[in-house]
Amino acid sequence: MENARLYAEARGHAQVLERQALELQAQRDFAQQVMNTMGQGLAVTDAEGRFEFVNPAFAQLLGSSPGT
């Protein structure tokens, strides 16, 4: 009986985690879409000042393309 309760509890936690992961992915995808389609240049750098992300508008300002 205890095993069944623990199994049901673990399954419930796994379902919550799965829903949270899907929501996080949806939010990430939306933010990425906004960043990639906005007309203003956007860049993200690391602590040493190296580019981690540039959107197409920022790359165009530099005369380049994202990822190069």
Protein backbone atom coordinates (compact mmCIF):
# COMPACT_ATOMS: atom_id res chain seq x y z
CA MET A 1 0.00 0.00 0.00
CA GLU A 2 2.81 2.37 0.90
CA ASN A 3 4.58 1.61 -2.38
CA ALA A 4 1.44 2.49 -4.34
CA ARG A 5 1.16 5.82 -2.50
CA LEU A 6 4.82 6.63 -3.11
CA TYR A 7 4.49 5.68 -6.77
CA ALA A 8 1.43 7.91 -7.20
CA GLU A 9 3.20 10.77 -5.44
CA ALA A 10 6.31 10.41 -7.62
CA ARG A 11 4.15 10.23 -10.74
CA GLY A 12 2.37 13.42 -9.69
CA HIS A 13 5.69 15.19 -9.17
CA ALA A 14 6.91 14.01 -12.57
CA GLN A 15 3.78 15.39 -14.23
CA VAL A 16 4.27 18.76 -12.53
CA LEU A 17 7.89 18.86 -13.67
CA GLU A 18 6.86 17.99 -17.23
CA ARG A 19 4.25 20.78 -17.30
CA GLN A 20 6.81 23.24 -15.91
CA ALA A 21 9.37 22.19 -18.54
CA LEU A 22 6.83 22.69 -21.33
CA GLU A 23 5.88 26.13 -19.99
CA LEU A 24 9.53 27.12 -19.69
CA GLN A 25 10.16 25.99 -23.26
CA ALA A 26 7.16 27.99 -24.50
CA GLN A 27 8.40 31.10 -22.69
CA ARG A 28 11.92 30.62 -24.06
CA ASP A 29 10.63 30.15 -27.60
CA PHE A 30 8.51 33.30 -27.33
CA ALA A 31 11.41 35.37 -25.99
CA GLN A 32 13.68 34.06 -28.74
CA GLN A 33 11.10 34.94 -31.38
CA VAL A 34 10.80 38.48 -29.99
CA MET A 35 14.57 38.95 -29.87
CA ASN A 36 15.08 37.66 -33.40
CA THR A 37 12.31 39.74 -35.00
CA MET A 38 12.68 43.07 -33.20
CA GLY A 39 14.04 45.94 -35.28
CA GLN A 40 16.47 47.14 -32.61
CA GLY A 41 19.88 45.60 -32.28
CA LEU A 42 20.31 43.35 -29.28
CA ALA A 43 23.46 41.68 -28.03
CA VAL A 44 24.27 39.59 -24.97
CA THR A 45 27.84 39.29 -23.75
CA ASP A 46 29.50 37.15 -21.11
CA ALA A 47 31.49 38.46 -18.14
CA GLU A 48 34.58 38.87 -20.36
CA GLY A 49 32.68 40.89 -22.96
CA ARG A 50 32.47 38.11 -25.56
CA PHE A 51 29.28 37.96 -27.57
CA GLU A 52 26.99 35.12 -26.56
CA PHE A 53 24.02 36.22 -28.69
CA VAL A 54 23.28 38.87 -31.28
CA ASN A 55 19.99 39.28 -33.05
CA PRO A 56 19.81 39.83 -36.82
CA ALA A 57 19.33 43.60 -36.42
CA PHE A 58 22.52 43.91 -34.35
CA ALA A 59 24.46 41.71 -36.77
CA GLN A 60 23.30 43.91 -39.65
CA LEU A 61 24.59 46.99 -37.80
CA LEU A 62 27.99 45.28 -37.70
CA GLY A 63 27.78 44.22 -41.35
CA SER A 64 27.64 40.55 -40.42
CA SER A 65 25.09 37.85 -39.79
CA PRO A 66 24.25 36.06 -36.52
CA GLY A 67 26.44 33.06 -35.88
CA THR A 68 29.47 34.28 -37.85
